[in-house]
Amino acid sequence: MIPKVYIHLKTGNEYLVLHRGVVNATNAQNGEKMVLYTPYSHSPMHEPWYVRLESEFDTKFKEKDHG
Protein backbone atom coordinates (compact mmCIF):
# COMPACT_ATOMS: atom_id res chain seq x y z
CA MET A 1 0.00 0.00 0.00
CA ILE A 2 1.24 3.47 -0.87
CA PRO A 3 0.91 5.74 2.19
CA LYS A 4 -1.61 8.58 1.77
CA VAL A 5 -2.03 11.84 3.64
CA TYR A 6 -5.32 12.43 5.44
CA ILE A 7 -6.63 15.51 7.25
CA HIS A 8 -8.39 15.30 10.63
CA LEU A 9 -11.68 17.12 10.09
CA LYS A 10 -11.82 18.67 13.57
CA THR A 11 -8.21 19.84 14.00
CA GLY A 12 -6.95 20.16 10.42
CA ASN A 13 -3.82 18.18 11.36
CA GLU A 14 -2.29 15.98 8.68
CA TYR A 15 -1.63 12.27 9.18
CA LEU A 16 0.05 9.66 7.05
CA VAL A 17 -1.94 6.44 6.73
CA LEU A 18 0.58 3.61 6.78
CA HIS A 19 -1.90 0.76 6.35
CA ARG A 20 -5.64 0.09 6.22
CA GLY A 21 -7.08 -3.28 7.14
CA VAL A 22 -4.88 -4.00 10.15
CA VAL A 23 -6.67 -6.73 12.13
CA ASN A 24 -7.40 -6.10 15.80
CA ALA A 25 -6.41 -9.25 17.68
CA THR A 26 -7.51 -8.35 21.22
CA ASN A 27 -10.08 -10.70 22.71
CA ALA A 28 -13.02 -8.30 22.87
CA GLN A 29 -12.50 -6.80 19.40
CA ASN A 30 -10.95 -9.73 17.56
CA GLY A 31 -11.18 -9.33 13.79
CA GLU A 32 -12.10 -5.64 13.62
CA LYS A 33 -10.41 -3.75 10.78
CA MET A 34 -8.19 -0.88 11.87
CA VAL A 35 -6.22 1.96 10.26
CA LEU A 36 -2.56 2.45 11.21
CA TYR A 37 -1.49 6.10 10.98
CA THR A 38 1.05 8.62 12.24
CA PRO A 39 1.37 12.41 12.31
CA TYR A 40 2.60 13.55 8.89
CA SER A 41 6.31 14.34 8.80
CA HIS A 42 9.32 13.43 6.73
CA SER A 43 10.36 10.66 9.14
CA PRO A 44 7.33 8.57 10.16
CA MET A 45 9.51 5.97 11.88
CA HIS A 46 10.28 8.49 14.64
CA GLU A 47 6.68 9.52 15.34
CA PRO A 48 4.04 7.83 17.49
CA TRP A 49 1.81 5.40 15.61
CA TYR A 50 -1.95 5.23 16.18
CA VAL A 51 -4.70 2.76 15.31
CA ARG A 52 -8.39 3.49 14.95
CA LEU A 53 -11.36 1.50 13.69
CA GLU A 54 -11.71 1.96 9.92
CA SER A 55 -15.34 3.03 10.25
CA GLU A 56 -14.46 5.66 12.86
CA PHE A 57 -11.42 6.84 10.90
CA ASP A 58 -13.53 7.36 7.78
CA THR A 59 -15.92 9.68 9.66
CA LYS A 60 -13.15 11.79 11.25
CA PHE A 61 -10.60 12.09 8.42
CA LYS A 62 -10.59 12.88 4.70
CA GLU A 63 -7.90 12.19 2.15
CA LYS A 64 -5.86 15.28 1.33
CA ASP A 65 -6.50 16.68 -2.12
CA HIS A 66 -3.21 16.82 -3.98
CA GLY A 67 -4.66 18.73 -6.93
C-alpha atoms as a PDB file:
ATOM      1  CA  MET A   1       0.000   0.000   0.000  1.00  0.00           C
ATOM      2  CA  ILE A   2       1.235   3.471  -0.868  1.00  0.00           C
ATOM      3  CA  PRO A   3       0.909   5.739   2.195  1.00  0.00           C
ATOM      4  CA  LYS A   4      -1.610   8.578   1.765  1.00  0.00           C
ATOM      5  CA  VAL A   5      -2.027  11.839   3.643  1.00  0.00           C
ATOM      6  CA  TYR A   6      -5.321  12.429   5.445  1.00  0.00           C
ATOM      7  CA  ILE A   7      -6.631  15.513   7.248  1.00  0.00           C
ATOM      8  CA  HIS A   8      -8.386  15.305  10.626  1.00  0.00           C
ATOM      9  CA  LEU A   9     -11.679  17.119  10.086  1.00  0.00           C
ATOM     10  CA  LYS A  10     -11.820  18.671  13.565  1.00  0.00           C
ATOM     11  CA  THR A  11      -8.205  19.841  13.998  1.00  0.00           C
ATOM     12  CA  GLY A  12      -6.953  20.155  10.420  1.00  0.00           C
ATOM     13  CA  ASN A  13      -3.823  18.178  11.356  1.00  0.00           C
ATOM     14  CA  GLU A  14      -2.287  15.984   8.677  1.00  0.00           C
ATOM     15  CA  TYR A  15      -1.629  12.275   9.177  1.00  0.00           C
ATOM     16  CA  LEU A  16       0.051   9.660   7.053  1.00  0.00           C
ATOM     17  CA  VAL A  17      -1.942   6.436   6.729  1.00  0.00           C
ATOM     18  CA  LEU A  18       0.582   3.612   6.776  1.00  0.00           C
ATOM     19  CA  HIS A  19      -1.897   0.757   6.350  1.00  0.00           C
ATOM     20  CA  ARG A  20      -5.636   0.095   6.223  1.00  0.00           C
ATOM     21  CA  GLY A  21      -7.079  -3.277   7.136  1.00  0.00           C
ATOM     22  CA  VAL A  22      -4.877  -4.005  10.153  1.00  0.00           C
ATOM     23  CA  VAL A  23      -6.670  -6.731  12.135  1.00  0.00           C
ATOM     24  CA  ASN A  24      -7.403  -6.099  15.799  1.00  0.00           C
ATOM     25  CA  ALA A  25      -6.408  -9.250  17.678  1.00  0.00           C
ATOM     26  CA  THR A  26      -7.508  -8.346  21.215  1.00  0.00           C
ATOM     27  CA  ASN A  27     -10.078 -10.703  22.710  1.00  0.00           C
ATOM     28  CA  ALA A  28     -13.020  -8.302  22.870  1.00  0.00           C
ATOM     29  CA  GLN A  29     -12.498  -6.795  19.397  1.00  0.00           C
ATOM     30  CA  ASN A  30     -10.954  -9.733  17.556  1.00  0.00           C
ATOM     31  CA  GLY A  31     -11.177  -9.328  13.788  1.00  0.00           C
ATOM     32  CA  GLU A  32     -12.104  -5.635  13.619  1.00  0.00           C
ATOM     33  CA  LYS A  33     -10.409  -3.754  10.775  1.00  0.00           C
ATOM     34  CA  MET A  34      -8.187  -0.878  11.871  1.00  0.00           C
ATOM     35  CA  VAL A  35      -6.220   1.959  10.261  1.00  0.00           C
ATOM     36  CA  LEU A  36      -2.562   2.454  11.215  1.00  0.00           C
ATOM     37  CA  TYR A  37      -1.489   6.104  10.977  1.00  0.00           C
ATOM     38  CA  THR A  38       1.051   8.623  12.240  1.00  0.00           C
ATOM     39  CA  PRO A  39       1.375  12.412  12.309  1.00  0.00           C
ATOM     40  CA  TYR A  40       2.600  13.548   8.895  1.00  0.00           C
ATOM     41  CA  SER A  41       6.309  14.338   8.802  1.00  0.00           C
ATOM     42  CA  HIS A  42       9.316  13.426   6.734  1.00  0.00           C
ATOM     43  CA  SER A  43      10.357  10.661   9.144  1.00  0.00           C
ATOM     44  CA  PRO A  44       7.325   8.567  10.164  1.00  0.00           C
ATOM     45  CA  MET A  45       9.506   5.969  11.878  1.00  0.00           C
ATOM     46  CA  HIS A  46      10.278   8.488  14.644  1.00  0.00           C
ATOM     47  CA  GLU A  47       6.680   9.517  15.343  1.00  0.00           C
ATOM     48  CA  PRO A  48       4.037   7.835  17.485  1.00  0.00           C
ATOM     49  CA  TRP A  49       1.809   5.404  15.607  1.00  0.00           C
ATOM     50  CA  TYR A  50      -1.946   5.229  16.176  1.00  0.00           C
ATOM     51  CA  VAL A  51      -4.701   2.759  15.310  1.00  0.00           C
ATOM     52  CA  ARG A  52      -8.391   3.487  14.949  1.00  0.00           C
ATOM     53  CA  LEU A  53     -11.364   1.505  13.686  1.00  0.00           C
ATOM     54  CA  GLU A  54     -11.709   1.964   9.916  1.00  0.00           C
ATOM     55  CA  SER A  55     -15.341   3.026  10.251  1.00  0.00           C
ATOM     56  CA  GLU A  56     -14.461   5.661  12.864  1.00  0.00           C
ATOM     57  CA  PHE A  57     -11.422   6.835  10.904  1.00  0.00           C
ATOM     58  CA  ASP A  58     -13.526   7.365   7.780  1.00  0.00           C
ATOM     59  CA  THR A  59     -15.919   9.677   9.664  1.00  0.00           C
ATOM     60  CA  LYS A  60     -13.152  11.789  11.255  1.00  0.00           C
ATOM     61  CA  PHE A  61     -10.602  12.087   8.415  1.00  0.00           C
ATOM     62  CA  LYS A  62     -10.593  12.884   4.699  1.00  0.00           C
ATOM     63  CA  GLU A  63      -7.901  12.189   2.146  1.00  0.00           C
ATOM     64  CA  LYS A  64      -5.856  15.285   1.329  1.00  0.00           C
ATOM     65  CA  ASP A  65      -6.499  16.681  -2.115  1.00  0.00           C
ATOM     66  CA  HIS A  66      -3.210  16.821  -3.978  1.00  0.00           C
ATOM     67  CA  GLY A  67      -4.655  18.727  -6.931  1.00  0.00           C
END
